[in-house]
Protein backbone atom coordinates (compact mmCIF):
# COMPACT_ATOMS: atom_id res chain seq x y z
CA MET A 1 73.48 228.11 -9.12
CA SER A 2 77.12 226.72 -10.12
CA ALA A 3 80.33 228.16 -10.55
CA ARG A 4 80.66 226.65 -14.35
CA THR A 5 77.19 228.13 -14.96
CA ALA A 6 77.44 231.24 -13.32
CA ALA A 7 81.04 231.11 -15.56
CA ALA A 8 79.02 230.06 -18.44
CA ALA A 9 75.76 233.50 -18.04
CA ALA A 10 79.59 235.90 -17.84
CA ASP A 11 81.01 234.99 -20.11
CA SER A 12 78.17 234.92 -22.73
CA ALA A 13 76.67 238.84 -20.74
CA THR A 14 79.54 239.97 -21.34
CA SER A 15 79.62 239.01 -25.40
CA ARG A 16 76.13 240.50 -25.83
CA VAL A 17 77.13 243.79 -24.16
CA ALA A 18 79.92 244.03 -26.69
CA GLY A 19 78.06 246.32 -28.53
CA PHE A 20 77.11 247.89 -25.92
CA GLY A 21 78.34 251.44 -26.43
CA ALA A 22 79.01 255.14 -23.55
CA GLY A 23 75.48 255.90 -23.81
CA SER A 24 74.62 251.97 -22.49
CA TYR A 25 76.58 252.58 -19.72
CA LEU A 26 75.42 255.52 -18.69
CA VAL A 27 71.34 254.32 -18.58
CA CYS A 28 72.57 251.98 -16.80
CA LEU A 29 74.15 253.76 -14.82
CA LYS A 30 71.75 256.32 -13.97
CA GLY A 31 68.91 253.22 -14.13
CA ILE A 32 71.09 251.81 -10.48
CA LEU A 33 71.11 255.72 -9.03
CA ILE A 34 67.76 256.31 -8.93
CA ARG A 35 67.30 253.14 -7.70
CA GLU A 36 69.23 253.42 -4.91
CA GLY A 37 68.79 257.41 -4.34
CA LEU A 38 64.37 256.30 -4.30
CA ARG A 39 65.67 253.69 -1.44
CA PHE A 40 66.53 256.09 0.59
CA LEU A 41 63.65 258.15 0.19
CA ASN A 42 61.56 254.64 0.81
CA GLN A 43 63.42 254.81 4.03
CA ARG A 44 62.90 257.69 5.89
CA GLU A 45 64.59 255.74 9.87
CA ARG A 46 68.10 255.34 7.22
CA PHE A 47 67.83 259.33 6.82
CA VAL A 48 66.17 260.14 10.72
CA SER A 49 69.35 257.57 11.87
CA SER A 50 72.40 258.99 9.48
CA LEU A 51 71.65 261.98 11.26
CA VAL A 52 70.91 260.85 14.77
CA ARG A 53 74.47 259.59 15.38
CA PRO A 54 76.41 262.99 14.73
CA LEU A 55 73.96 265.11 15.58
CA LEU A 56 73.98 263.76 18.91
CA TRP A 57 77.96 263.68 18.98
CA LEU A 58 77.28 267.42 18.43
CA PHE A 59 74.96 268.93 20.32
CA VAL A 60 75.68 266.96 23.74
CA PHE A 61 79.04 265.44 24.09
CA ALA A 62 80.12 268.66 23.14
CA ALA A 63 78.97 270.42 25.15
CA GLY A 64 80.67 268.41 28.03
CA PHE A 65 83.89 267.62 26.93
CA ARG A 66 84.10 270.90 24.44
CA GLN A 67 85.71 271.73 28.56
CA VAL A 68 87.32 269.45 28.94
CA LEU A 69 89.29 268.15 25.94
CA GLY A 70 91.24 272.26 24.61
CA VAL A 71 91.75 270.76 21.36
CA SER A 72 95.91 273.31 20.83
CA ILE A 73 96.47 275.07 17.71
CA ILE A 74 98.12 272.59 15.20
CA PRO A 75 97.26 271.92 11.15
CA PRO A 76 95.99 273.00 9.76
CA TYR A 77 94.12 275.01 11.63
CA LYS A 78 95.75 278.81 12.40
CA THR A 79 93.96 278.94 15.99
CA TYR A 80 92.43 278.16 18.87
CA VAL A 81 88.65 276.41 17.39
CA LEU A 82 85.86 275.55 19.40
CA TYR A 83 85.41 271.19 20.31
CA GLU A 84 82.79 271.26 18.08
CA VAL A 85 84.62 272.73 14.97
CA TYR A 86 87.24 270.00 15.56
CA ILE A 87 85.15 266.87 15.90
CA THR A 88 82.97 268.03 12.78
CA PRO A 89 84.98 266.51 10.05
CA GLY A 90 85.59 263.04 12.07
CA LEU A 91 81.85 263.17 12.22
CA CYS A 92 81.21 263.41 8.38
CA ALA A 93 83.96 261.08 7.29
CA MET A 94 81.59 259.37 10.67
CA ILE A 95 78.36 259.73 7.99
CA LEU A 96 80.13 258.38 5.38
CA LEU A 97 80.95 254.80 6.62
CA PHE A 98 77.28 254.52 8.41
CA SER A 99 75.80 255.26 4.90
CA GLY A 100 78.58 252.99 2.81
CA MET A 101 77.62 250.24 5.28
CA GLN A 102 73.88 250.71 4.27
CA SER A 103 74.54 250.70 1.28
CA SER A 104 75.99 247.54 0.49
CA LEU A 105 73.19 245.84 3.76
CA SER A 106 71.19 245.86 0.69
CA MET A 107 73.37 243.24 -1.97
CA VAL A 108 73.39 241.14 1.66
CA TYR A 109 69.88 241.24 2.25
CA ASP A 110 69.35 240.88 -2.31
CA ARG A 111 71.63 237.58 -1.95
CA GLU A 112 69.62 236.24 0.89
CA MET A 113 66.29 236.86 -1.15
CA GLY A 114 67.55 235.57 -4.42
CA ASN A 115 67.79 238.56 -6.50
CA MET A 116 71.55 239.05 -6.62
CA ARG A 117 71.20 236.36 -10.00
CA THR A 118 69.61 239.14 -11.92
CA LEU A 119 73.34 240.29 -10.75
CA LEU A 120 75.19 237.32 -11.96
CA VAL A 121 72.99 236.99 -16.36
CA SER A 122 73.13 240.91 -16.12
CA PRO A 123 74.60 242.14 -19.96
CA PHE A 124 77.17 245.05 -18.43
CA PRO A 125 80.18 244.08 -16.87
CA ARG A 126 80.36 243.28 -13.10
CA TRP A 127 82.91 244.97 -12.40
CA PHE A 128 80.89 248.15 -13.52
CA LEU A 129 77.37 246.52 -11.44
CA LEU A 130 79.96 247.43 -8.50
CA VAL A 131 81.23 250.63 -9.44
CA ALA A 132 77.39 252.00 -10.31
CA LYS A 133 76.69 250.41 -6.83
CA LEU A 134 79.67 252.50 -4.82
CA LEU A 135 78.76 255.64 -6.71
CA ALA A 136 74.71 256.09 -6.42
CA GLY A 137 76.21 255.02 -1.97
CA VAL A 138 78.58 257.18 -2.84
CA THR A 139 75.87 259.39 -4.05
CA VAL A 140 73.14 259.40 -0.98
CA SER A 141 75.48 259.05 1.42
CA ILE A 142 76.92 262.73 0.10
CA ALA A 143 73.43 264.68 0.92
CA GLN A 144 74.12 263.52 3.73
CA VAL A 145 76.63 265.35 5.05
CA TYR A 146 75.96 268.48 3.86
CA VAL A 147 72.35 267.83 5.55
CA PHE A 148 74.31 267.57 9.31
CA LEU A 149 76.57 270.86 7.44
CA ALA A 150 73.18 272.67 6.89
CA VAL A 151 71.79 271.60 10.91
CA ALA A 152 75.21 272.38 12.29
CA TRP A 153 75.18 275.80 10.59
CA PHE A 154 72.69 276.48 11.56
CA TRP A 155 73.83 274.92 15.17
CA GLY A 156 76.39 277.74 15.51
CA VAL A 157 79.18 274.99 14.50
CA LYS A 158 80.40 276.70 11.45
CA LEU A 159 83.64 276.17 9.06
CA PRO A 160 85.22 277.76 5.93
CA PRO A 161 82.55 279.62 3.88
CA LEU A 162 84.71 277.95 0.70
CA GLY A 163 85.43 275.27 3.27
CA TYR A 164 81.99 273.05 2.58
CA LEU A 165 83.06 273.33 -1.39
CA MET A 166 86.53 272.53 -1.18
CA ALA A 167 85.49 268.87 0.55
CA LEU A 168 83.60 267.43 -1.54
CA PRO A 169 86.43 265.88 -3.65
CA ALA A 170 87.90 264.70 -0.33
CA LEU A 171 84.64 263.28 0.90
CA PHE A 172 83.65 261.14 -2.64
CA LEU A 173 87.26 259.73 -1.49
CA ALA A 174 87.27 258.85 2.20
CA GLY A 175 83.02 257.69 0.64
CA LEU A 176 84.42 255.42 -1.98
CA MET A 177 87.03 253.57 1.01
CA PHE A 178 84.25 253.04 3.04
CA GLY A 179 81.41 252.17 0.57
CA GLY A 180 84.25 249.03 -0.92
CA LEU A 181 85.16 248.47 2.33
CA GLY A 182 80.98 247.43 3.00
CA LEU A 183 80.58 245.77 -0.95
CA LEU A 184 84.21 243.96 -0.27
CA LEU A 185 82.73 242.68 4.10
CA SER A 186 78.99 241.70 2.01
CA SER A 187 80.73 239.72 0.00
CA ALA A 188 82.02 237.61 2.51
CA ILE A 189 78.90 237.07 4.95
CA ARG A 190 75.65 235.18 3.82
CA GLN A 191 72.98 236.18 5.82
CA LEU A 192 71.80 239.86 7.75
CA GLU A 193 71.93 239.19 11.00
CA ASN A 194 75.75 238.48 10.41
CA PHE A 195 76.25 241.55 8.86
CA ALA A 196 74.57 243.99 11.21
CA GLY A 197 77.34 242.18 13.56
CA ILE A 198 79.93 242.75 11.71
CA MET A 199 78.74 246.72 10.80
CA ASN A 200 79.34 247.17 14.47
CA PHE A 201 82.74 245.90 15.19
CA VAL A 202 84.21 247.25 12.01
CA ILE A 203 82.29 251.06 12.31
CA PHE A 204 83.12 251.01 16.17
CA PRO A 205 86.85 250.76 16.45
CA MET A 206 87.47 251.95 13.19
CA TYR A 207 86.11 255.68 13.99
CA PHE A 208 87.49 255.75 17.95
CA ALA A 209 90.56 254.64 17.28
CA SER A 210 90.69 257.83 15.14
CA PRO A 211 91.22 261.43 15.63
CA ALA A 212 87.81 262.07 14.99
CA LEU A 213 87.43 262.80 18.72
CA TYR A 214 90.15 264.19 20.02
CA PRO A 215 94.36 264.76 18.67
CA LEU A 216 96.86 261.63 17.45
CA TRP A 217 99.15 264.00 19.90
CA ARG A 218 97.25 263.41 22.93
CA ILE A 219 96.35 259.77 22.01
CA GLN A 220 100.33 259.70 21.44
CA GLU A 221 100.64 260.87 25.16
CA SER A 222 98.05 258.97 26.91
CA SER A 223 98.83 255.02 24.72
CA PRO A 224 101.96 254.86 22.33
CA LEU A 225 100.47 250.69 22.06
CA LEU A 226 96.73 253.28 21.42
CA HIS A 227 98.77 255.90 18.63
CA GLN A 228 100.68 252.61 16.15
CA ILE A 229 96.43 251.85 15.71
CA CYS A 230 94.99 254.85 15.47
CA LEU A 231 97.81 255.17 12.59
CA ALA A 232 97.09 251.70 11.09
CA ASN A 233 93.59 252.82 10.84
CA PRO A 234 92.04 253.79 7.10
CA PHE A 235 89.74 256.07 8.84
CA THR A 236 92.11 258.31 10.13
CA TYR A 237 93.86 259.45 6.75
CA ALA A 238 90.16 259.38 5.62
CA VAL A 239 89.21 262.78 8.67
CA GLU A 240 92.56 264.00 7.85
CA LEU A 241 91.85 264.36 4.71
CA ILE A 242 88.27 266.47 5.58
CA ARG A 243 89.58 267.91 8.32
CA PHE A 244 92.18 269.89 5.50
CA ALA A 245 90.22 270.03 2.81
CA VAL A 246 87.52 272.44 4.81
CA TYR A 247 90.58 274.32 4.84
CA ARG A 248 91.43 274.47 1.71
CA GLU A 249 94.98 272.46 2.29
CA VAL A 250 95.60 268.61 0.94
CA ASP A 251 97.83 266.40 3.54
CA TRP A 252 99.62 264.70 0.68
CA LEU A 253 98.98 261.24 2.75
CA SER A 254 96.32 261.11 4.13
CA LEU A 255 95.37 261.24 -0.05
CA GLY A 256 97.49 258.86 -0.79
CA VAL A 257 96.11 256.48 1.82
CA THR A 258 93.07 256.60 0.87
CA ALA A 259 92.83 256.48 -2.25
CA GLY A 260 95.08 253.15 -2.04
CA CYS A 261 92.58 252.51 0.58
CA ALA A 262 89.25 252.33 -1.51
CA VAL A 263 90.98 250.98 -5.39
CA LEU A 264 92.57 247.77 -2.13
CA PHE A 265 88.66 247.30 -0.49
CA LEU A 266 86.56 247.94 -4.68
CA GLY A 267 88.85 245.54 -6.06
CA GLY A 268 89.10 242.99 -3.83
CA ALA A 269 84.97 243.58 -3.40
CA ILE A 270 85.28 243.04 -7.52
CA ILE A 271 87.25 239.48 -7.32
CA ALA A 272 85.08 238.35 -4.48
CA TYR A 273 82.29 238.45 -6.83
CA ASP A 274 83.78 237.28 -9.35
CA PRO A 275 81.67 234.37 -9.98
CA SER A 276 83.87 232.85 -11.40
CA ARG A 277 86.16 233.37 -8.71
CA GLY A 278 86.72 234.25 -5.07
CA LEU A 279 84.48 234.16 -2.37
CA MET A 280 81.46 233.92 -3.78
CA ALA A 281 82.16 230.89 -6.38
CA ARG A 282 82.32 228.97 -3.09
CA LYS A 283 79.83 229.52 -1.89
CA GLN A 284 78.34 228.88 -4.39
CA ASP A 285 79.90 224.98 -4.80
CA THR A 286 78.36 225.04 -1.21
CA GLY A 287 74.60 225.57 -1.34
CA GLY A 288 74.52 228.95 -0.96
CA ASN A 289 72.17 232.19 -1.74
CA GLY A 290 73.29 233.71 -4.78
């Protein structure tokens, strides 16, 4: 399918959807949410793997680092906290990041299998379908985060009771940012194997170059260059946004950066998936699957 043909199909779809009401959009959103939920439930290994990584850090690495990496009294903490408590917001962000990438992995799979053509001729606007896909992925990832927090609670890592609720908006916004980044990356990758490799080059540098495992002041003391990298890392601000939200505080810088990156990544993905412009159009012109 050429870019011109896809654009014509998109114009036709737009004219068909003009008569749709809000109810039709909600039905479409509900269908995508159910599809993503069923896909996740049918992939139990995905659920287990999403919990193994953070629980490994919480149960194994934290026990070894507790005596080495002390945490001073820094905002939002009013007193000293256990190392396990300090790294919990970063582990929540790790779950959101991995889940956002895995959700976008299905986009690469659908395009590789040819299912992306259904997206191109859908009567709903492409931006709406991408946003619905993103919202479905974020919903699933937040559910994983709260399962992790429940396991951590039984392990003795107990956050402020109201913090579990106050963290929800921060988790949602961070999930939108990571999901948007995953969609943007998926638009530029043609093969499933390449996306899996890119995930490792994106996820681990973002995670380790952040205050997820140690405070920024410690990083600045040991490596000013790494400190600057951490400040340029969007993951840093997502972690701090979640950390402050747990203690019913707002880090306005983290809120602004996270929201801005979410809009930037999602906007880039919408442009890239437009059949008349962006990366998808170039792939179709060169004979790529789509």
